Amino acid sequence: MDSVGVIPARYGSTRFPGKPLVKIAGKPLITHVIDGARKAKSLREILVATDDERIAKVATEAGARVVMTHPELPSGTDRVWAAVEASGLTGVDVVVNIQGDEPLIEAAPLDALVAAFSKHADIQMATLGRDIDVSSKEGLEALNSLTTAKIVLGRDDRALYFSRLPIPFSRGVALGTQAANAPGRAVLKHVGIYAFRPAFLKQFCGTPPCELELLEGLEQLRALYLGAKIHVVRTGHESWGVDTPQDVEKIEKMLASRAR
């Protein structure tokens, strides 16, 4: 399939201004993301959608095609669509929105997202989900964490709903008549990388946020509100983003561990 990856990279982050340019193991964050994305065999081109000339310069040097976008765009997804439209790429089969703050991004999950559109001709979106081992302490913490988005799946791994709450509610567990690991494989941890058909990406960005999206703080609920079929690709990939300056040391340790 004819597919492109777009990395939205804004300079003015509220919690971490200039984040795309912060050095991680001697290399700017945005460069790590570009290098990881370029390994995906299914993406014929990597675009960086940015509002800042300093980011543009670094991204160009790293081998990405840069598209300057308006600084007041409301979200990274809007920045992705603006870049696709400005680049004349609205006719591609798939657009992958690659988070600009995840320096440990790998090729395999990106390729799997694109492949989902070949396997499922009726879907408008695809995203990633990771199994939650609810028999472990870490899994239960993830299930109950309000900062972790969970996905409930229907047949053929289609997303039914996303929530920050631990879903689905298990009546059996609540009554003490069912094992504590009852949610099983019906619920996954959401890994926030998205792929879109361009026509749906345009519709998505042209629609105001819906009530569910505003209540949960999860933009993918707008897609479900619009009636989109979202395929969830099961992955072992974990999302490790840089949200604050304190995250830099953590990521550097992970990179050093990979190198060993």
C-alpha atoms as a PDB file:
ATOM      1  CA  MET A   1       0.000   0.000   0.000  1.00  0.00           C
ATOM      2  CA  ASP A   2       1.119   3.551  -0.688  1.00  0.00           C
ATOM      3  CA  SER A   3       1.722   4.868   2.819  1.00  0.00           C
ATOM      4  CA  VAL A   4       3.471   7.775   4.508  1.00  0.00           C
ATOM      5  CA  GLY A   5       4.408   8.508   8.098  1.00  0.00           C
ATOM      6  CA  VAL A   6       3.968  11.961   9.607  1.00  0.00           C
ATOM      7  CA  ILE A   7       5.651  13.101  12.819  1.00  0.00           C
ATOM      8  CA  PRO A   8       4.008  16.165  14.403  1.00  0.00           C
ATOM      9  CA  ALA A   9       6.602  18.182  16.330  1.00  0.00           C
ATOM     10  CA  ARG A  10       5.604  21.396  18.075  1.00  0.00           C
ATOM     11  CA  TYR A  11       8.138  23.631  19.813  1.00  0.00           C
ATOM     12  CA  GLY A  12       5.873  25.206  22.426  1.00  0.00           C
ATOM     13  CA  SER A  13       5.046  22.265  24.701  1.00  0.00           C
ATOM     14  CA  THR A  14       3.486  23.516  27.951  1.00  0.00           C
ATOM     15  CA  ARG A  15       5.357  21.071  30.189  1.00  0.00           C
ATOM     16  CA  PHE A  16       8.562  20.869  28.161  1.00  0.00           C
ATOM     17  CA  PRO A  17       9.207  23.769  25.722  1.00  0.00           C
ATOM     18  CA  GLY A  18      11.583  22.853  22.902  1.00  0.00           C
ATOM     19  CA  LYS A  19      11.165  19.151  23.627  1.00  0.00           C
ATOM     20  CA  PRO A  20      11.831  17.901  20.049  1.00  0.00           C
ATOM     21  CA  LEU A  21      15.330  19.397  20.233  1.00  0.00           C
ATOM     22  CA  VAL A  22      16.371  18.080  23.642  1.00  0.00           C
ATOM     23  CA  LYS A  23      19.499  15.928  23.409  1.00  0.00           C
ATOM     24  CA  ILE A  24      19.090  12.263  24.291  1.00  0.00           C
ATOM     25  CA  ALA A  25      22.320  10.280  24.218  1.00  0.00           C
ATOM     26  CA  GLY A  26      23.865  13.135  22.248  1.00  0.00           C
ATOM     27  CA  LYS A  27      21.177  13.273  19.556  1.00  0.00           C
ATOM     28  CA  PRO A  28      18.023  15.453  19.326  1.00  0.00           C
ATOM     29  CA  LEU A  29      14.801  13.686  20.306  1.00  0.00           C
ATOM     30  CA  ILE A  30      13.212  14.303  16.901  1.00  0.00           C
ATOM     31  CA  THR A  31      16.204  12.651  15.206  1.00  0.00           C
ATOM     32  CA  HIS A  32      15.695   9.468  17.249  1.00  0.00           C
ATOM     33  CA  VAL A  33      12.050   9.384  16.151  1.00  0.00           C
ATOM     34  CA  ILE A  34      12.912   9.941  12.487  1.00  0.00           C
ATOM     35  CA  ASP A  35      15.616   7.261  12.556  1.00  0.00           C
ATOM     36  CA  GLY A  36      13.198   4.726  14.039  1.00  0.00           C
ATOM     37  CA  ALA A  37      10.389   5.588  11.627  1.00  0.00           C
ATOM     38  CA  ARG A  38      12.631   5.399   8.566  1.00  0.00           C
ATOM     39  CA  LYS A  39      13.258   1.710   9.269  1.00  0.00           C
ATOM     40  CA  ALA A  40       9.605   0.902   8.552  1.00  0.00           C
ATOM     41  CA  LYS A  41       9.506  -0.844   5.166  1.00  0.00           C
ATOM     42  CA  SER A  42       5.901   0.107   4.474  1.00  0.00           C
ATOM     43  CA  LEU A  43       6.395   3.892   4.635  1.00  0.00           C
ATOM     44  CA  ARG A  44       7.699   5.402   1.429  1.00  0.00           C
ATOM     45  CA  GLU A  45       8.294   8.781   3.043  1.00  0.00           C
ATOM     46  CA  ILE A  46       8.604  10.361   6.490  1.00  0.00           C
ATOM     47  CA  LEU A  47       7.305  13.889   6.957  1.00  0.00           C
ATOM     48  CA  VAL A  48       7.858  16.120   9.962  1.00  0.00           C
ATOM     49  CA  ALA A  49       5.046  18.602  10.532  1.00  0.00           C
ATOM     50  CA  THR A  50       6.370  21.464  12.626  1.00  0.00           C
ATOM     51  CA  ASP A  51       5.854  25.131  13.434  1.00  0.00           C
ATOM     52  CA  ASP A  52       9.492  25.924  14.185  1.00  0.00           C
ATOM     53  CA  GLU A  53      12.470  26.539  11.905  1.00  0.00           C
ATOM     54  CA  ARG A  54      14.932  25.059  14.412  1.00  0.00           C
ATOM     55  CA  ILE A  55      13.050  21.762  14.436  1.00  0.00           C
ATOM     56  CA  ALA A  56      12.762  21.953  10.639  1.00  0.00           C
ATOM     57  CA  LYS A  57      16.536  22.268  10.271  1.00  0.00           C
ATOM     58  CA  VAL A  58      17.281  19.273  12.494  1.00  0.00           C
ATOM     59  CA  ALA A  59      14.586  17.147  10.818  1.00  0.00           C
ATOM     60  CA  THR A  60      15.907  17.954   7.345  1.00  0.00           C
ATOM     61  CA  GLU A  61      19.435  16.997   8.393  1.00  0.00           C
ATOM     62  CA  ALA A  62      18.023  13.683   9.679  1.00  0.00           C
ATOM     63  CA  GLY A  63      16.568  12.901   6.250  1.00  0.00           C
ATOM     64  CA  ALA A  64      12.892  13.757   6.738  1.00  0.00           C
ATOM     65  CA  ARG A  65      10.739  15.922   4.503  1.00  0.00           C
ATOM     66  CA  VAL A  66       9.639  18.983   6.477  1.00  0.00           C
ATOM     67  CA  VAL A  67       6.263  20.694   6.191  1.00  0.00           C
ATOM     68  CA  MET A  68       5.742  23.968   8.055  1.00  0.00           C
ATOM     69  CA  THR A  69       2.341  24.086   9.760  1.00  0.00           C
ATOM     70  CA  HIS A  70       0.438  26.794  11.649  1.00  0.00           C
ATOM     71  CA  PRO A  71       1.474  27.082  15.329  1.00  0.00           C
ATOM     72  CA  GLU A  72      -2.133  27.439  16.500  1.00  0.00           C
ATOM     73  CA  LEU A  73      -3.391  24.074  15.210  1.00  0.00           C
ATOM     74  CA  PRO A  74      -5.334  22.409  18.060  1.00  0.00           C
ATOM     75  CA  SER A  75      -3.687  18.970  18.040  1.00  0.00           C
ATOM     76  CA  GLY A  76      -0.970  16.771  16.596  1.00  0.00           C
ATOM     77  CA  THR A  77      -3.568  15.009  14.459  1.00  0.00           C
ATOM     78  CA  ASP A  78      -4.580  18.338  12.903  1.00  0.00           C
ATOM     79  CA  ARG A  79      -0.910  19.006  12.233  1.00  0.00           C
ATOM     80  CA  VAL A  80      -0.621  15.624  10.482  1.00  0.00           C
ATOM     81  CA  TRP A  81      -3.575  16.352   8.191  1.00  0.00           C
ATOM     82  CA  ALA A  82      -2.282  19.852   7.430  1.00  0.00           C
ATOM     83  CA  ALA A  83       1.073  18.359   6.363  1.00  0.00           C
ATOM     84  CA  VAL A  84      -0.554  15.684   4.193  1.00  0.00           C
ATOM     85  CA  GLU A  85      -2.766  18.249   2.497  1.00  0.00           C
ATOM     86  CA  ALA A  86       0.052  20.766   1.960  1.00  0.00           C
ATOM     87  CA  SER A  87       2.286  18.055   0.497  1.00  0.00           C
ATOM     88  CA  GLY A  88      -0.289  16.868  -2.025  1.00  0.00           C
ATOM     89  CA  LEU A  89      -0.373  13.411  -0.438  1.00  0.00           C
ATOM     90  CA  THR A  90      -4.119  13.119   0.106  1.00  0.00           C
ATOM     91  CA  GLY A  91      -4.232  10.328  -2.481  1.00  0.00           C
ATOM     92  CA  VAL A  92      -2.072   7.862  -0.512  1.00  0.00           C
ATOM     93  CA  ASP A  93      -3.681   4.748   0.940  1.00  0.00           C
ATOM     94  CA  VAL A  94      -2.614   5.169   4.569  1.00  0.00           C
ATOM     95  CA  VAL A  95      -1.281   7.967   6.781  1.00  0.00           C
ATOM     96  CA  VAL A  96       0.500   6.938   9.991  1.00  0.00           C
ATOM     97  CA  ASN A  97       0.593   9.480  12.807  1.00  0.00           C
ATOM     98  CA  ILE A  98       3.904   8.860  14.598  1.00  0.00           C
ATOM     99  CA  GLN A  99       4.223  10.500  18.009  1.00  0.00           C
ATOM    100  CA  GLY A 100       7.067  13.021  17.966  1.00  0.00           C
ATOM    101  CA  ASP A 101       8.108  12.383  21.563  1.00  0.00           C
ATOM    102  CA  GLU A 102       8.754   8.620  21.440  1.00  0.00           C
ATOM    103  CA  PRO A 103      12.472   8.078  20.719  1.00  0.00           C
ATOM    104  CA  LEU A 104      12.200   4.289  21.106  1.00  0.00           C
ATOM    105  CA  ILE A 105       9.745   3.851  18.217  1.00  0.00           C
ATOM    106  CA  GLU A 106      10.313   0.674  16.208  1.00  0.00           C
ATOM    107  CA  ALA A 107       9.570  -0.304  12.622  1.00  0.00           C
ATOM    108  CA  ALA A 108       7.533  -3.459  13.302  1.00  0.00           C
ATOM    109  CA  PRO A 109       4.447  -1.833  14.858  1.00  0.00           C
ATOM    110  CA  LEU A 110       4.360   0.817  12.122  1.00  0.00           C
ATOM    111  CA  ASP A 111       4.469  -1.844   9.414  1.00  0.00           C
ATOM    112  CA  ALA A 112       1.778  -3.836  11.236  1.00  0.00           C
ATOM    113  CA  LEU A 113      -0.544  -0.819  11.273  1.00  0.00           C
ATOM    114  CA  VAL A 114      -0.200  -0.362   7.516  1.00  0.00           C
ATOM    115  CA  ALA A 115      -0.695  -4.083   6.892  1.00  0.00           C
ATOM    116  CA  ALA A 116      -4.010  -3.961   8.762  1.00  0.00           C
ATOM    117  CA  PHE A 117      -5.539  -1.893   5.957  1.00  0.00           C
ATOM    118  CA  SER A 118      -4.691  -4.573   3.401  1.00  0.00           C
ATOM    119  CA  LYS A 119      -6.222  -7.276   5.558  1.00  0.00           C
ATOM    120  CA  HIS A 120      -9.338  -5.294   6.507  1.00  0.00           C
ATOM    121  CA  ALA A 121     -10.653  -3.272   3.583  1.00  0.00           C
ATOM    122  CA  ASP A 122     -13.566  -1.801   5.569  1.00  0.00           C
ATOM    123  CA  ILE A 123     -11.603  -0.081   8.360  1.00  0.00           C
ATOM    124  CA  GLN A 124     -11.016   3.673   8.575  1.00  0.00           C
ATOM    125  CA  MET A 125      -8.406   3.629  11.346  1.00  0.00           C
ATOM    126  CA  ALA A 126      -5.938   1.330  13.046  1.00  0.00           C
ATOM    127  CA  THR A 127      -4.128   1.631  16.348  1.00  0.00           C
ATOM    128  CA  LEU A 128      -2.052  -0.515  18.704  1.00  0.00           C
ATOM    129  CA  GLY A 129      -2.977  -2.444  21.834  1.00  0.00           C
ATOM    130  CA  ARG A 130      -0.799  -4.312  24.298  1.00  0.00           C
ATOM    131  CA  ASP A 131      -1.928  -7.224  26.477  1.00  0.00           C
ATOM    132  CA  ILE A 132      -2.449  -6.468  30.168  1.00  0.00           C
ATOM    133  CA  ASP A 133      -1.356  -9.250  32.472  1.00  0.00           C
ATOM    134  CA  VAL A 134      -3.938  -8.707  35.196  1.00  0.00           C
ATOM    135  CA  SER A 135      -2.455 -11.563  37.234  1.00  0.00           C
ATOM    136  CA  SER A 136       0.582  -9.365  37.959  1.00  0.00           C
ATOM    137  CA  LYS A 137       0.903  -6.304  40.184  1.00  0.00           C
ATOM    138  CA  GLU A 138       2.082  -4.185  37.240  1.00  0.00           C
ATOM    139  CA  GLY A 139      -0.831  -5.311  35.085  1.00  0.00           C
ATOM    140  CA  LEU A 140      -3.400  -4.507  37.744  1.00  0.00           C
ATOM    141  CA  GLU A 141      -1.812  -1.099  38.256  1.00  0.00           C
ATOM    142  CA  ALA A 142      -2.062  -0.410  34.511  1.00  0.00           C
ATOM    143  CA  LEU A 143      -5.678  -1.561  34.435  1.00  0.00           C
ATOM    144  CA  ASN A 144      -6.605   0.762  37.296  1.00  0.00           C
ATOM    145  CA  SER A 145      -4.428   3.747  36.329  1.00  0.00           C
ATOM    146  CA  LEU A 146      -6.406   6.783  35.169  1.00  0.00           C
ATOM    147  CA  THR A 147      -3.453   7.887  33.035  1.00  0.00           C
ATOM    148  CA  THR A 148      -3.497   4.642  31.031  1.00  0.00           C
ATOM    149  CA  ALA A 149      -6.084   4.301  28.271  1.00  0.00           C
ATOM    150  CA  LYS A 150      -7.694   0.891  27.930  1.00  0.00           C
ATOM    151  CA  ILE A 151      -9.452  -0.618  24.901  1.00  0.00           C
ATOM    152  CA  VAL A 152     -12.381  -3.012  24.960  1.00  0.00           C
ATOM    153  CA  LEU A 153     -12.495  -5.160  21.827  1.00  0.00           C
ATOM    154  CA  GLY A 154     -15.219  -6.729  19.784  1.00  0.00           C
ATOM    155  CA  ARG A 155     -15.012  -9.408  17.126  1.00  0.00           C
ATOM    156  CA  ASP A 156     -12.018  -9.300  14.774  1.00  0.00           C
ATOM    157  CA  ASP A 157     -10.180  -6.990  17.207  1.00  0.00           C
ATOM    158  CA  ARG A 158     -12.379  -3.994  16.489  1.00  0.00           C
ATOM    159  CA  ALA A 159     -12.379  -1.267  19.137  1.00  0.00           C
ATOM    160  CA  LEU A 160     -15.684  -0.963  20.984  1.00  0.00           C
ATOM    161  CA  TYR A 161     -14.597   1.732  23.437  1.00  0.00           C
ATOM    162  CA  PHE A 162     -11.575   3.442  24.969  1.00  0.00           C
ATOM    163  CA  SER A 163     -11.516   4.619  28.583  1.00  0.00           C
ATOM    164  CA  ARG A 164      -9.200   5.727  31.351  1.00  0.00           C
ATOM    165  CA  LEU A 165     -11.288   3.668  33.759  1.00  0.00           C
ATOM    166  CA  PRO A 166     -10.658  -0.063  34.290  1.00  0.00           C
ATOM    167  CA  ILE A 167     -13.001  -1.661  31.780  1.00  0.00           C
ATOM    168  CA  PRO A 168     -14.882  -3.912  31.263  1.00  0.00           C
ATOM    169  CA  PHE A 169     -16.480  -3.980  34.711  1.00  0.00           C
ATOM    170  CA  SER A 170     -16.662  -7.567  35.913  1.00  0.00           C
ATOM    171  CA  ARG A 171     -19.803  -8.321  37.908  1.00  0.00           C
ATOM    172  CA  GLY A 172     -18.374 -11.696  38.866  1.00  0.00           C
ATOM    173  CA  VAL A 173     -15.250 -10.139  40.368  1.00  0.00           C
ATOM    174  CA  ALA A 174     -17.355  -7.573  42.224  1.00  0.00           C
ATOM    175  CA  LEU A 175     -19.476 -10.350  43.763  1.00  0.00           C
ATOM    176  CA  GLY A 176     -16.460 -12.513  44.539  1.00  0.00           C
ATOM    177  CA  THR A 177     -17.614 -15.330  42.267  1.00  0.00           C
ATOM    178  CA  GLN A 178     -15.005 -14.972  39.525  1.00  0.00           C
ATOM    179  CA  ALA A 179     -11.198 -14.969  39.348  1.00  0.00           C
ATOM    180  CA  ALA A 180      -9.462 -11.608  39.613  1.00  0.00           C
ATOM    181  CA  ASN A 181      -8.023 -11.973  36.126  1.00  0.00           C
ATOM    182  CA  ALA A 182     -11.481 -12.094  34.526  1.00  0.00           C
ATOM    183  CA  PRO A 183     -10.936  -9.245  31.999  1.00  0.00           C
ATOM    184  CA  GLY A 184      -8.472 -11.489  30.145  1.00  0.00           C
ATOM    185  CA  ARG A 185      -7.863 -10.643  26.499  1.00  0.00           C
ATOM    186  CA  ALA A 186     -11.042  -8.580  26.109  1.00  0.00           C
ATOM    187  CA  VAL A 187      -9.169  -5.484  27.301  1.00  0.00           C
ATOM    188  CA  LEU A 188      -5.828  -4.116  26.099  1.00  0.00           C
ATOM    189  CA  LYS A 189      -3.604  -1.226  27.081  1.00  0.00           C
ATOM    190  CA  HIS A 190      -3.818   1.388  24.338  1.00  0.00           C
ATOM    191  CA  VAL A 191      -0.552   2.333  22.633  1.00  0.00           C
ATOM    192  CA  GLY A 192      -1.244   5.692  21.039  1.00  0.00           C
ATOM    193  CA  ILE A 193       0.009   5.397  17.487  1.00  0.00           C
ATOM    194  CA  TYR A 194      -2.673   5.806  14.807  1.00  0.00           C
ATOM    195  CA  ALA A 195      -3.051   5.110  11.112  1.00  0.00           C
ATOM    196  CA  PHE A 196      -5.827   6.599   8.988  1.00  0.00           C
ATOM    197  CA  ARG A 197      -7.305   6.439   5.554  1.00  0.00           C
ATOM    198  CA  PRO A 198      -6.823  10.017   4.308  1.00  0.00           C
ATOM    199  CA  ALA A 199     -10.539  10.608   3.629  1.00  0.00           C
ATOM    200  CA  PHE A 200     -11.387   9.712   7.216  1.00  0.00           C
ATOM    201  CA  LEU A 201      -8.474  11.755   8.599  1.00  0.00           C
ATOM    202  CA  LYS A 202      -9.938  14.754   6.767  1.00  0.00           C
ATOM    203  CA  GLN A 203     -13.396  14.076   8.222  1.00  0.00           C
ATOM    204  CA  PHE A 204     -11.936  13.575  11.701  1.00  0.00           C
ATOM    205  CA  CYS A 205     -10.048  16.870  11.659  1.00  0.00           C
ATOM    206  CA  GLY A 206     -13.068  18.682  10.229  1.00  0.00           C
ATOM    207  CA  THR A 207     -15.303  17.568  13.117  1.00  0.00           C
ATOM    208  CA  PRO A 208     -15.320  19.330  16.505  1.00  0.00           C
ATOM    209  CA  PRO A 209     -14.505  17.249  19.594  1.00  0.00           C
ATOM    210  CA  CYS A 210     -17.497  15.242  20.807  1.00  0.00           C
ATOM    211  CA  GLU A 211     -18.756  14.990  24.395  1.00  0.00           C
ATOM    212  CA  LEU A 212     -17.205  11.550  25.024  1.00  0.00           C
ATOM    213  CA  GLU A 213     -13.818  12.796  23.828  1.00  0.00           C
ATOM    214  CA  LEU A 214     -13.978  15.833  26.106  1.00  0.00           C
ATOM    215  CA  LEU A 215     -15.072  13.786  29.125  1.00  0.00           C
ATOM    216  CA  GLU A 216     -12.390  11.092  28.771  1.00  0.00           C
ATOM    217  CA  GLY A 217      -9.678  13.277  27.227  1.00  0.00           C
ATOM    218  CA  LEU A 218      -9.207  10.688  24.452  1.00  0.00           C
ATOM    219  CA  GLU A 219      -9.460  11.925  20.874  1.00  0.00           C
ATOM    220  CA  GLN A 220      -9.964   8.434  19.428  1.00  0.00           C
ATOM    221  CA  LEU A 221     -13.482   8.524  20.885  1.00  0.00           C
ATOM    222  CA  ARG A 222     -14.318  11.139  18.234  1.00  0.00           C
ATOM    223  CA  ALA A 223     -13.598   8.497  15.612  1.00  0.00           C
ATOM    224  CA  LEU A 224     -15.955   6.019  17.265  1.00  0.00           C
ATOM    225  CA  TYR A 225     -18.566   8.780  17.617  1.00  0.00           C
ATOM    226  CA  LEU A 226     -18.304   9.313  13.857  1.00  0.00           C
ATOM    227  CA  GLY A 227     -18.924   5.606  13.289  1.00  0.00           C
ATOM    228  CA  ALA A 228     -15.396   4.650  12.277  1.00  0.00           C
ATOM    229  CA  LYS A 229     -14.277   1.043  12.334  1.00  0.00           C
ATOM    230  CA  ILE A 230     -10.995   0.996  14.252  1.00  0.00           C
ATOM    231  CA  HIS A 231      -8.860  -2.126  13.999  1.00  0.00           C
ATOM    232  CA  VAL A 232      -6.598  -2.790  16.973  1.00  0.00           C
ATOM    233  CA  VAL A 233      -3.267  -4.430  16.168  1.00  0.00           C
ATOM    234  CA  ARG A 234      -1.964  -6.483  19.078  1.00  0.00           C
ATOM    235  CA  THR A 235       1.656  -5.619  19.781  1.00  0.00           C
ATOM    236  CA  GLY A 236       4.435  -6.199  22.257  1.00  0.00           C
ATOM    237  CA  HIS A 237       5.668  -2.646  21.665  1.00  0.00           C
ATOM    238  CA  GLU A 238       5.531  -0.393  24.711  1.00  0.00           C
ATOM    239  CA  SER A 239       5.043   3.345  24.466  1.00  0.00           C
ATOM    240  CA  TRP A 240       7.855   5.298  26.117  1.00  0.00           C
ATOM    241  CA  GLY A 241       7.358   9.025  25.648  1.00  0.00           C
ATOM    242  CA  VAL A 242       9.335  12.026  26.840  1.00  0.00           C
ATOM    243  CA  ASP A 243       6.876  14.231  28.721  1.00  0.00           C
ATOM    244  CA  THR A 244       9.177  16.049  31.147  1.00  0.00           C
ATOM    245  CA  PRO A 245      12.922  16.761  31.454  1.00  0.00           C
ATOM    246  CA  GLN A 246      13.093  13.987  34.062  1.00  0.00           C
ATOM    247  CA  ASP A 247      12.169  11.419  31.392  1.00  0.00           C
ATOM    248  CA  VAL A 248      15.401  12.025  29.464  1.00  0.00           C
ATOM    249  CA  GLU A 249      17.584  10.053  31.881  1.00  0.00           C
ATOM    250  CA  LYS A 250      15.108   7.151  31.836  1.00  0.00           C
ATOM    251  CA  ILE A 251      15.173   6.975  28.032  1.00  0.00           C
ATOM    252  CA  GLU A 252      18.970   7.209  27.939  1.00  0.00           C
ATOM    253  CA  LYS A 253      19.205   4.186  30.242  1.00  0.00           C
ATOM    254  CA  MET A 254      16.856   2.253  27.961  1.00  0.00           C
ATOM    255  CA  LEU A 255      18.923   3.163  24.896  1.00  0.00           C
ATOM    256  CA  ALA A 256      22.100   2.065  26.663  1.00  0.00           C
ATOM    257  CA  SER A 257      20.445  -1.220  27.602  1.00  0.00           C
ATOM    258  CA  ARG A 258      19.437  -1.794  23.960  1.00  0.00           C
ATOM    259  CA  ALA A 259      22.974  -1.091  22.797  1.00  0.00           C
ATOM    260  CA  ARG A 260      24.322  -3.749  25.171  1.00  0.00           C
END
